[in-house]
Structures are given as structure tokens and as C-alpha cells.
């Protein structure tokens, strides 16, 4: 990295580090949520066939929700979209 880039890197605020999914360790679905997803065999097969970045990002989208109700609702969306052979709306490409 060039000197100006290193200067900016050293000046970064720690409070702004590790906020995004690509800066963190990949999350996994909790065992109950994964069990529910695996029960929908077609949706699970489609999900497993997707690129690693999509699986990581959509899993982060589900698991990053603060409330259990939100995680459950997001998982239902992920299962529904996967069953229809589509990506979740937040990650669809035009």
C-alpha cells in the first residue's frame, strides 16, 4: 500500500471497524433455524448451490437481526425465495 493509504489506515477510528459483513467472521444459522431451513429440501438445495458470497451475505442478513421475530421473518423470506429459485430481494441483481 502506498504511503497516503497507510496514513489513512492508521488514522481510522476503531469504532467504525468491524461493522460490515465482509469485515467479520462468517456467521452460521443457529441450529434451530438451520434445521427449519434444511426441512425445506428444495430451498436448501438451491441455497447450497449458490455462490459462497451469497450464502455468507444472506446468512448474515438473517442472523444480524437483533430480535428473534425478525430473524424468523427473514429466514422465512430466504426459504421462500430459495424455494422459488430466486435470491432475496436485498441481493437481487437487475
PDB file of N, CA and C in Angstrom:
ATOM      1  N   UNK A   1       0.856  -1.175   0.000  1.00  0.00           N
ATOM      2  CA  UNK A   1       0.000   0.000   0.000  1.00  0.00           C
ATOM      3  C   UNK A   1       0.898   1.232   0.000  1.00  0.00           C
ATOM      4  N   UNK A   2       0.477   2.246  -0.701  1.00  0.00           N
ATOM      5  CA  UNK A   2       1.236   3.491  -0.780  1.00  0.00           C
ATOM      6  C   UNK A   2       1.135   4.258   0.541  1.00  0.00           C
ATOM      7  N   UNK A   3       2.063   5.175   0.748  1.00  0.00           N
ATOM      8  CA  UNK A   3       2.134   5.945   1.992  1.00  0.00           C
ATOM      9  C   UNK A   3       0.814   6.666   2.328  1.00  0.00           C
ATOM     10  N   UNK A   4       0.161   7.337   1.373  1.00  0.00           N
ATOM     11  CA  UNK A   4      -1.104   8.005   1.734  1.00  0.00           C
ATOM     12  C   UNK A   4      -2.168   7.017   2.227  1.00  0.00           C
ATOM     13  N   UNK A   5      -2.205   5.846   1.617  1.00  0.00           N
ATOM     14  CA  UNK A   5      -3.171   4.832   2.050  1.00  0.00           C
ATOM     15  C   UNK A   5      -2.867   4.332   3.452  1.00  0.00           C
ATOM     16  N   UNK A   6      -1.604   4.115   3.762  1.00  0.00           N
ATOM     17  CA  UNK A   6      -1.209   3.675   5.104  1.00  0.00           C
ATOM     18  C   UNK A   6      -1.526   4.745   6.143  1.00  0.00           C
ATOM     19  N   UNK A   7      -1.340   6.006   5.775  1.00  0.00           N
ATOM     20  CA  UNK A   7      -1.663   7.104   6.692  1.00  0.00           C
ATOM     21  C   UNK A   7      -3.146   7.088   7.027  1.00  0.00           C
ATOM     22  N   UNK A   8      -3.990   6.915   6.018  1.00  0.00           N
ATOM     23  CA  UNK A   8      -5.442   6.853   6.243  1.00  0.00           C
ATOM     24  C   UNK A   8      -5.820   5.624   7.065  1.00  0.00           C
ATOM     25  N   UNK A   9      -5.159   4.515   6.777  1.00  0.00           N
ATOM     26  CA  UNK A   9      -5.444   3.275   7.501  1.00  0.00           C
ATOM     27  C   UNK A   9      -5.114   3.432   8.985  1.00  0.00           C
ATOM     28  N   UNK A  10      -3.983   4.001   9.298  1.00  0.00           N
ATOM     29  CA  UNK A  10      -3.588   4.183  10.700  1.00  0.00           C
ATOM     30  C   UNK A  10      -4.481   5.191  11.427  1.00  0.00           C
ATOM     31  N   UNK A  11      -5.088   6.116  10.679  1.00  0.00           N
ATOM     32  CA  UNK A  11      -5.934   7.148  11.284  1.00  0.00           C
ATOM     33  C   UNK A  11      -7.387   6.700  11.439  1.00  0.00           C
ATOM     34  N   UNK A  12      -7.705   5.480  11.032  1.00  0.00           N
ATOM     35  CA  UNK A  12      -9.103   5.028  11.092  1.00  0.00           C
ATOM     36  C   UNK A  12      -9.589   4.964  12.535  1.00  0.00           C
ATOM     37  N   UNK A  13     -10.875   5.118  12.701  1.00  0.00           N
ATOM     38  CA  UNK A  13     -11.492   5.048  14.028  1.00  0.00           C
ATOM     39  C   UNK A  13     -11.876   3.593  14.312  1.00  0.00           C
ATOM     40  N   UNK A  14     -11.430   3.053  15.412  1.00  0.00           N
ATOM     41  CA  UNK A  14     -11.752   1.672  15.777  1.00  0.00           C
ATOM     42  C   UNK A  14     -13.256   1.463  15.925  1.00  0.00           C
ATOM     43  N   UNK A  15     -13.979   2.516  16.300  1.00  0.00           N
ATOM     44  CA  UNK A  15     -15.428   2.387  16.463  1.00  0.00           C
ATOM     45  C   UNK A  15     -16.136   2.160  15.128  1.00  0.00           C
ATOM     46  N   UNK A  16     -15.455   2.440  14.028  1.00  0.00           N
ATOM     47  CA  UNK A  16     -16.032   2.253  12.694  1.00  0.00           C
ATOM     48  C   UNK A  16     -15.481   1.001  12.006  1.00  0.00           C
ATOM     49  N   UNK A  17     -14.818   0.150  12.759  1.00  0.00           N
ATOM     50  CA  UNK A  17     -14.226  -1.066  12.212  1.00  0.00           C
ATOM     51  C   UNK A  17     -15.061  -2.275  12.613  1.00  0.00           C
ATOM     52  N   UNK A  18     -15.206  -3.215  11.708  1.00  0.00           N
ATOM     53  CA  UNK A  18     -15.918  -4.453  12.004  1.00  0.00           C
ATOM     54  C   UNK A  18     -17.427  -4.330  11.960  1.00  0.00           C
ATOM     55  N   UNK A  19     -17.937  -3.329  11.261  1.00  0.00           N
ATOM     56  CA  UNK A  19     -19.384  -3.119  11.200  1.00  0.00           C
ATOM     57  C   UNK A  19     -20.056  -3.895  10.076  1.00  0.00           C
ATOM     58  N   UNK A  20     -19.318  -4.190   9.044  1.00  0.00           N
ATOM     59  CA  UNK A  20     -19.915  -4.768   7.844  1.00  0.00           C
ATOM     60  C   UNK A  20     -19.659  -6.271   7.780  1.00  0.00           C
ATOM     61  N   UNK A  21     -20.522  -6.963   7.036  1.00  0.00           N
ATOM     62  CA  UNK A  21     -20.437  -8.421   6.984  1.00  0.00           C
ATOM     63  C   UNK A  21     -19.097  -8.898   6.457  1.00  0.00           C
ATOM     64  N   UNK A  22     -18.491  -8.198   5.512  1.00  0.00           N
ATOM     65  CA  UNK A  22     -17.215  -8.644   4.954  1.00  0.00           C
ATOM     66  C   UNK A  22     -16.048  -8.434   5.914  1.00  0.00           C
ATOM     67  N   UNK A  23     -16.247  -7.683   6.989  1.00  0.00           N
ATOM     68  CA  UNK A  23     -15.202  -7.442   7.973  1.00  0.00           C
ATOM     69  C   UNK A  23     -15.258  -8.433   9.135  1.00  0.00           C
ATOM     70  N   UNK A  24     -16.262  -9.267   9.143  1.00  0.00           N
ATOM     71  CA  UNK A  24     -16.469 -10.185  10.261  1.00  0.00           C
ATOM     72  C   UNK A  24     -16.253 -11.622   9.835  1.00  0.00           C
ATOM     73  N   UNK A  25     -16.124 -12.455  10.839  1.00  0.00           N
ATOM     74  CA  UNK A  25     -16.105 -13.886  10.578  1.00  0.00           C
ATOM     75  C   UNK A  25     -17.467 -14.303  10.059  1.00  0.00           C
ATOM     76  N   UNK A  26     -17.512 -15.235   9.126  1.00  0.00           N
ATOM     77  CA  UNK A  26     -18.829 -15.651   8.618  1.00  0.00           C
ATOM     78  C   UNK A  26     -19.720 -16.186   9.739  1.00  0.00           C
ATOM     79  N   UNK A  27     -20.971 -15.759   9.716  1.00  0.00           N
ATOM     80  CA  UNK A  27     -21.949 -16.255  10.682  1.00  0.00           C
ATOM     81  C   UNK A  27     -22.566 -17.543  10.162  1.00  0.00           C
ATOM     82  N   UNK A  28     -23.062 -18.337  11.068  1.00  0.00           N
ATOM     83  CA  UNK A  28     -23.813 -19.536  10.712  1.00  0.00           C
ATOM     84  C   UNK A  28     -25.230 -19.359  11.236  1.00  0.00           C
ATOM     85  N   UNK A  29     -26.159 -20.019  10.588  1.00  0.00           N
ATOM     86  CA  UNK A  29     -27.520 -20.022  11.113  1.00  0.00           C
ATOM     87  C   UNK A  29     -27.511 -20.762  12.441  1.00  0.00           C
ATOM     88  N   UNK A  30     -28.337 -20.327  13.363  1.00  0.00           N
ATOM     89  CA  UNK A  30     -28.434 -21.041  14.637  1.00  0.00           C
ATOM     90  C   UNK A  30     -29.001 -22.433  14.348  1.00  0.00           C
ATOM     91  N   UNK A  31     -28.689 -23.421  15.179  1.00  0.00           N
ATOM     92  CA  UNK A  31     -29.183 -24.790  14.919  1.00  0.00           C
ATOM     93  C   UNK A  31     -30.688 -24.893  14.670  1.00  0.00           C
ATOM     94  N   UNK A  32     -31.553 -24.221  15.456  1.00  0.00           N
ATOM     95  CA  UNK A  32     -32.988 -24.337  15.158  1.00  0.00           C
ATOM     96  C   UNK A  32     -33.367 -23.752  13.801  1.00  0.00           C
ATOM     97  N   UNK A  33     -32.745 -22.620  13.428  1.00  0.00           N
ATOM     98  CA  UNK A  33     -33.054 -22.008  12.144  1.00  0.00           C
ATOM     99  C   UNK A  33     -32.522 -22.858  10.990  1.00  0.00           C
ATOM    100  N   UNK A  34     -31.330 -23.401  11.161  1.00  0.00           N
ATOM    101  CA  UNK A  34     -30.771 -24.259  10.118  1.00  0.00           C
ATOM    102  C   UNK A  34     -31.619 -25.514   9.935  1.00  0.00           C
ATOM    103  N   UNK A  35     -32.091 -26.079  11.028  1.00  0.00           N
ATOM    104  CA  UNK A  35     -32.954 -27.267  10.955  1.00  0.00           C
ATOM    105  C   UNK A  35     -34.222 -26.953  10.171  1.00  0.00           C
ATOM    106  N   UNK A  36     -34.787 -25.782  10.433  1.00  0.00           N
ATOM    107  CA  UNK A  36     -36.001 -25.368   9.729  1.00  0.00           C
ATOM    108  C   UNK A  36     -35.721 -25.177   8.235  1.00  0.00           C
ATOM    109  N   UNK A  37     -34.579 -24.607   7.929  1.00  0.00           N
ATOM    110  CA  UNK A  37     -34.203 -24.388   6.532  1.00  0.00           C
ATOM    111  C   UNK A  37     -33.965 -25.732   5.829  1.00  0.00           C
ATOM    112  N   UNK A  38     -33.241 -26.630   6.469  1.00  0.00           N
ATOM    113  CA  UNK A  38     -32.960 -27.937   5.873  1.00  0.00           C
ATOM    114  C   UNK A  38     -34.225 -28.749   5.640  1.00  0.00           C
ATOM    115  N   UNK A  39     -35.255 -28.506   6.422  1.00  0.00           N
ATOM    116  CA  UNK A  39     -36.525 -29.227   6.260  1.00  0.00           C
ATOM    117  C   UNK A  39     -37.179 -28.895   4.919  1.00  0.00           C
ATOM    118  N   UNK A  40     -36.913 -27.719   4.411  1.00  0.00           N
ATOM    119  CA  UNK A  40     -37.405 -27.328   3.085  1.00  0.00           C
ATOM    120  C   UNK A  40     -36.342 -27.757   2.079  1.00  0.00           C
ATOM    121  N   UNK A  41     -36.364 -29.013   1.700  1.00  0.00           N
ATOM    122  CA  UNK A  41     -35.287 -29.630   0.932  1.00  0.00           C
ATOM    123  C   UNK A  41     -34.951 -28.914  -0.377  1.00  0.00           C
ATOM    124  N   UNK A  42     -35.962 -28.541  -1.135  1.00  0.00           N
ATOM    125  CA  UNK A  42     -35.703 -27.847  -2.397  1.00  0.00           C
ATOM    126  C   UNK A  42     -35.049 -26.493  -2.180  1.00  0.00           C
ATOM    127  N   UNK A  43     -35.535 -25.760  -1.194  1.00  0.00           N
ATOM    128  CA  UNK A  43     -34.971 -24.446  -0.880  1.00  0.00           C
ATOM    129  C   UNK A  43     -33.531 -24.593  -0.395  1.00  0.00           C
ATOM    130  N   UNK A  44     -33.284 -25.580   0.448  1.00  0.00           N
ATOM    131  CA  UNK A  44     -31.936 -25.812   0.970  1.00  0.00           C
ATOM    132  C   UNK A  44     -30.983 -26.182  -0.167  1.00  0.00           C
ATOM    133  N   UNK A  45     -31.416 -27.036  -1.071  1.00  0.00           N
ATOM    134  CA  UNK A  45     -30.574 -27.447  -2.204  1.00  0.00           C
ATOM    135  C   UNK A  45     -30.226 -26.238  -3.075  1.00  0.00           C
ATOM    136  N   UNK A  46     -31.214 -25.391  -3.345  1.00  0.00           N
ATOM    137  CA  UNK A  46     -30.957 -24.185  -4.142  1.00  0.00           C
ATOM    138  C   UNK A  46     -29.954 -23.284  -3.421  1.00  0.00           C
ATOM    139  N   UNK A  47     -30.166 -23.075  -2.141  1.00  0.00           N
ATOM    140  CA  UNK A  47     -29.289 -22.210  -1.349  1.00  0.00           C
ATOM    141  C   UNK A  47     -27.856 -22.730  -1.372  1.00  0.00           C
ATOM    142  N   UNK A  48     -27.681 -24.024  -1.201  1.00  0.00           N
ATOM    143  CA  UNK A  48     -26.346 -24.624  -1.180  1.00  0.00           C
ATOM    144  C   UNK A  48     -25.646 -24.526  -2.530  1.00  0.00           C
ATOM    145  N   UNK A  49     -26.404 -24.405  -3.603  1.00  0.00           N
ATOM    146  CA  UNK A  49     -25.831 -24.309  -4.945  1.00  0.00           C
ATOM    147  C   UNK A  49     -25.402 -22.881  -5.305  1.00  0.00           C
ATOM    148  N   UNK A  50     -25.708 -21.919  -4.446  1.00  0.00           N
ATOM    149  CA  UNK A  50     -25.388 -20.519  -4.726  1.00  0.00           C
ATOM    150  C   UNK A  50     -23.931 -20.210  -4.395  1.00  0.00           C
ATOM    151  N   UNK A  51     -23.399 -19.116  -4.961  1.00  0.00           N
ATOM    152  CA  UNK A  51     -22.011 -18.738  -4.695  1.00  0.00           C
ATOM    153  C   UNK A  51     -21.773 -18.494  -3.204  1.00  0.00           C
ATOM    154  N   UNK A  52     -20.546 -18.739  -2.736  1.00  0.00           N
ATOM    155  CA  UNK A  52     -20.236 -18.531  -1.316  1.00  0.00           C
ATOM    156  C   UNK A  52     -20.565 -17.132  -0.808  1.00  0.00           C
ATOM    157  N   UNK A  53     -20.310 -16.106  -1.623  1.00  0.00           N
ATOM    158  CA  UNK A  53     -20.589 -14.744  -1.151  1.00  0.00           C
ATOM    159  C   UNK A  53     -22.081 -14.575  -0.860  1.00  0.00           C
ATOM    160  N   UNK A  54     -22.935 -15.176  -1.686  1.00  0.00           N
ATOM    161  CA  UNK A  54     -24.376 -15.048  -1.472  1.00  0.00           C
ATOM    162  C   UNK A  54     -24.795 -15.774  -0.194  1.00  0.00           C
ATOM    163  N   UNK A  55     -24.277 -16.966   0.018  1.00  0.00           N
ATOM    164  CA  UNK A  55     -24.622 -17.722   1.234  1.00  0.00           C
ATOM    165  C   UNK A  55     -24.163 -16.975   2.482  1.00  0.00           C
ATOM    166  N   UNK A  56     -22.946 -16.426   2.450  1.00  0.00           N
ATOM    167  CA  UNK A  56     -22.436 -15.661   3.602  1.00  0.00           C
ATOM    168  C   UNK A  56     -23.282 -14.424   3.861  1.00  0.00           C
ATOM    169  N   UNK A  57     -23.568 -13.675   2.808  1.00  0.00           N
ATOM    170  CA  UNK A  57     -24.288 -12.411   2.962  1.00  0.00           C
ATOM    171  C   UNK A  57     -25.725 -12.624   3.399  1.00  0.00           C
ATOM    172  N   UNK A  58     -26.397 -13.600   2.818  1.00  0.00           N
ATOM    173  CA  UNK A  58     -27.792 -13.841   3.205  1.00  0.00           C
ATOM    174  C   UNK A  58     -27.882 -14.420   4.610  1.00  0.00           C
ATOM    175  N   UNK A  59     -26.912 -15.246   4.994  1.00  0.00           N
ATOM    176  CA  UNK A  59     -26.880 -15.755   6.371  1.00  0.00           C
ATOM    177  C   UNK A  59     -26.648 -14.607   7.349  1.00  0.00           C
ATOM    178  N   UNK A  60     -25.738 -13.700   7.002  1.00  0.00           N
ATOM    179  CA  UNK A  60     -25.501 -12.523   7.840  1.00  0.00           C
ATOM    180  C   UNK A  60     -26.772 -11.692   7.950  1.00  0.00           C
ATOM    181  N   UNK A  61     -27.486 -11.546   6.844  1.00  0.00           N
ATOM    182  CA  UNK A  61     -28.731 -10.770   6.834  1.00  0.00           C
ATOM    183  C   UNK A  61     -29.743 -11.366   7.816  1.00  0.00           C
ATOM    184  N   UNK A  62     -29.849 -12.680   7.847  1.00  0.00           N
ATOM    185  CA  UNK A  62     -30.779 -13.338   8.775  1.00  0.00           C
ATOM    186  C   UNK A  62     -30.293 -13.191  10.208  1.00  0.00           C
ATOM    187  N   UNK A  63     -29.048 -13.556  10.473  1.00  0.00           N
ATOM    188  CA  UNK A  63     -28.541 -13.636  11.840  1.00  0.00           C
ATOM    189  C   UNK A  63     -28.191 -12.288  12.465  1.00  0.00           C
ATOM    190  N   UNK A  64     -28.054 -11.237  11.669  1.00  0.00           N
ATOM    191  CA  UNK A  64     -27.700  -9.934  12.237  1.00  0.00           C
ATOM    192  C   UNK A  64     -28.895  -9.212  12.843  1.00  0.00           C
ATOM    193  N   UNK A  65     -30.081  -9.726  12.633  1.00  0.00           N
ATOM    194  CA  UNK A  65     -31.272  -9.108  13.226  1.00  0.00           C
ATOM    195  C   UNK A  65     -31.199  -9.201  14.750  1.00  0.00           C
ATOM    196  N   UNK A  66     -31.581  -8.158  15.420  1.00  0.00           N
ATOM    197  CA  UNK A  66     -31.488  -8.127  16.886  1.00  0.00           C
ATOM    198  C   UNK A  66     -32.590  -8.937  17.562  1.00  0.00           C
ATOM    199  N   UNK A  67     -33.773  -8.936  16.957  1.00  0.00           N
ATOM    200  CA  UNK A  67     -34.910  -9.631  17.579  1.00  0.00           C
ATOM    201  C   UNK A  67     -35.138 -10.983  16.922  1.00  0.00           C
ATOM    202  N   UNK A  68     -35.529 -11.940  17.728  1.00  0.00           N
ATOM    203  CA  UNK A  68     -35.792 -13.292  17.220  1.00  0.00           C
ATOM    204  C   UNK A  68     -36.913 -13.280  16.181  1.00  0.00           C
ATOM    205  N   UNK A  69     -37.923 -12.449  16.383  1.00  0.00           N
ATOM    206  CA  UNK A  69     -39.028 -12.376  15.422  1.00  0.00           C
ATOM    207  C   UNK A  69     -38.526 -11.928  14.051  1.00  0.00           C
ATOM    208  N   UNK A  70     -37.587 -10.997  14.054  1.00  0.00           N
ATOM    209  CA  UNK A  70     -37.035 -10.504  12.795  1.00  0.00           C
ATOM    210  C   UNK A  70     -36.199 -11.591  12.129  1.00  0.00           C
ATOM    211  N   UNK A  71     -35.392 -12.307  12.900  1.00  0.00           N
ATOM    212  CA  UNK A  71     -34.608 -13.413  12.333  1.00  0.00           C
ATOM    213  C   UNK A  71     -35.526 -14.460  11.721  1.00  0.00           C
ATOM    214  N   UNK A  72     -36.615 -14.778  12.417  1.00  0.00           N
ATOM    215  CA  UNK A  72     -37.567 -15.774  11.920  1.00  0.00           C
ATOM    216  C   UNK A  72     -38.227 -15.290  10.630  1.00  0.00           C
ATOM    217  N   UNK A  73     -38.608 -14.028  10.582  1.00  0.00           N
ATOM    218  CA  UNK A  73     -39.238 -13.471   9.385  1.00  0.00           C
ATOM    219  C   UNK A  73     -38.252 -13.447   8.215  1.00  0.00           C
ATOM    220  N   UNK A  74     -37.008 -13.074   8.487  1.00  0.00           N
ATOM    221  CA  UNK A  74     -36.003 -13.047   7.423  1.00  0.00           C
ATOM    222  C   UNK A  74     -35.700 -14.454   6.920  1.00  0.00           C
ATOM    223  N   UNK A  75     -35.650 -15.423   7.824  1.00  0.00           N
ATOM    224  CA  UNK A  75     -35.424 -16.803   7.392  1.00  0.00           C
ATOM    225  C   UNK A  75     -36.574 -17.267   6.517  1.00  0.00           C
ATOM    226  N   UNK A  76     -37.798 -16.921   6.875  1.00  0.00           N
ATOM    227  CA  UNK A  76     -38.954 -17.302   6.057  1.00  0.00           C
ATOM    228  C   UNK A  76     -38.836 -16.704   4.658  1.00  0.00           C
ATOM    229  N   UNK A  77     -38.371 -15.476   4.566  1.00  0.00           N
ATOM    230  CA  UNK A  77     -38.155 -14.842   3.256  1.00  0.00           C
ATOM    231  C   UNK A  77     -37.077 -15.584   2.480  1.00  0.00           C
ATOM    232  N   UNK A  78     -35.989 -15.922   3.144  1.00  0.00           N
ATOM    233  CA  UNK A  78     -34.894 -16.648   2.498  1.00  0.00           C
ATOM    234  C   UNK A  78     -35.360 -18.016   2.004  1.00  0.00           C
ATOM    235  N   UNK A  79     -36.117 -18.719   2.810  1.00  0.00           N
ATOM    236  CA  UNK A  79     -36.630 -20.034   2.416  1.00  0.00           C
ATOM    237  C   UNK A  79     -37.580 -19.892   1.231  1.00  0.00           C
ATOM    238  N   UNK A  80     -38.488 -18.928   1.309  1.00  0.00           N
ATOM    239  CA  UNK A  80     -39.460 -18.719   0.234  1.00  0.00           C
ATOM    240  C   UNK A  80     -38.759 -18.382  -1.084  1.00  0.00           C
ATOM    241  N   UNK A  81     -37.827 -17.461  -1.036  1.00  0.00           N
ATOM    242  CA  UNK A  81     -37.106 -17.078  -2.249  1.00  0.00           C
ATOM    243  C   UNK A  81     -36.296 -18.252  -2.795  1.00  0.00           C
ATOM    244  N   UNK A  82     -35.648 -18.984  -1.928  1.00  0.00           N
ATOM    245  CA  UNK A  82     -34.853 -20.141  -2.362  1.00  0.00           C
ATOM    246  C   UNK A  82     -35.742 -21.203  -2.978  1.00  0.00           C
ATOM    247  N   UNK A  83     -36.911 -21.422  -2.412  1.00  0.00           N
ATOM    248  CA  UNK A  83     -37.840 -22.418  -2.948  1.00  0.00           C
ATOM    249  C   UNK A  83     -38.308 -22.032  -4.348  1.00  0.00           C
ATOM    250  N   UNK A  84     -38.370 -20.727  -4.618  1.00  0.00           N
ATOM    251  CA  UNK A  84     -38.786 -20.243  -5.933  1.00  0.00           C
ATOM    252  C   UNK A  84     -37.600 -20.076  -6.879  1.00  0.00           C
ATOM    253  N   UNK A  85     -36.392 -20.417  -6.391  1.00  0.00           N
ATOM    254  CA  UNK A  85     -35.206 -20.304  -7.231  1.00  0.00           C
ATOM    255  C   UNK A  85     -34.764 -18.879  -7.462  1.00  0.00           C
ATOM    256  N   UNK A  86     -34.962 -18.045  -6.444  1.00  0.00           N
ATOM    257  CA  UNK A  86     -34.605 -16.619  -6.545  1.00  0.00           C
ATOM    258  C   UNK A  86     -33.754 -16.218  -5.365  1.00  0.00           C
ATOM    259  N   UNK A  87     -33.022 -15.132  -5.535  1.00  0.00           N
ATOM    260  CA  UNK A  87     -32.267 -14.559  -4.425  1.00  0.00           C
ATOM    261  C   UNK A  87     -33.190 -13.666  -3.610  1.00  0.00           C
ATOM    262  N   UNK A  88     -32.778 -13.398  -2.369  1.00  0.00           N
ATOM    263  CA  UNK A  88     -33.570 -12.497  -1.541  1.00  0.00           C
ATOM    264  C   UNK A  88     -33.565 -11.116  -2.209  1.00  0.00           C
ATOM    265  N   UNK A  89     -34.629 -10.346  -2.063  1.00  0.00           N
ATOM    266  CA  UNK A  89     -34.723  -9.037  -2.758  1.00  0.00           C
ATOM    267  C   UNK A  89     -33.539  -8.116  -2.502  1.00  0.00           C
ATOM    268  N   UNK A  90     -33.001  -8.125  -1.307  1.00  0.00           N
ATOM    269  CA  UNK A  90     -31.889  -7.220  -0.994  1.00  0.00           C
ATOM    270  C   UNK A  90     -30.641  -7.521  -1.828  1.00  0.00           C
ATOM    271  N   UNK A  91     -30.519  -8.742  -2.337  1.00  0.00           N
ATOM    272  CA  UNK A  91     -29.312  -9.126  -3.077  1.00  0.00           C
ATOM    273  C   UNK A  91     -29.572  -9.421  -4.553  1.00  0.00           C
ATOM    274  N   UNK A  92     -30.804  -9.217  -4.994  1.00  0.00           N
ATOM    275  CA  UNK A  92     -31.105  -9.448  -6.411  1.00  0.00           C
ATOM    276  C   UNK A  92     -30.354  -8.459  -7.276  1.00  0.00           C
ATOM    277  N   UNK A  93     -29.902  -8.963  -8.382  1.00  0.00           N
ATOM    278  CA  UNK A  93     -29.216  -8.089  -9.347  1.00  0.00           C
ATOM    279  C   UNK A  93     -30.170  -7.809 -10.493  1.00  0.00           C
ATOM    280  N   UNK A  94     -30.116  -6.599 -10.966  1.00  0.00           N
ATOM    281  CA  UNK A  94     -31.023  -6.183 -12.053  1.00  0.00           C
ATOM    282  C   UNK A  94     -30.678  -6.848 -13.362  1.00  0.00           C
TER     283      UNK A  94
END
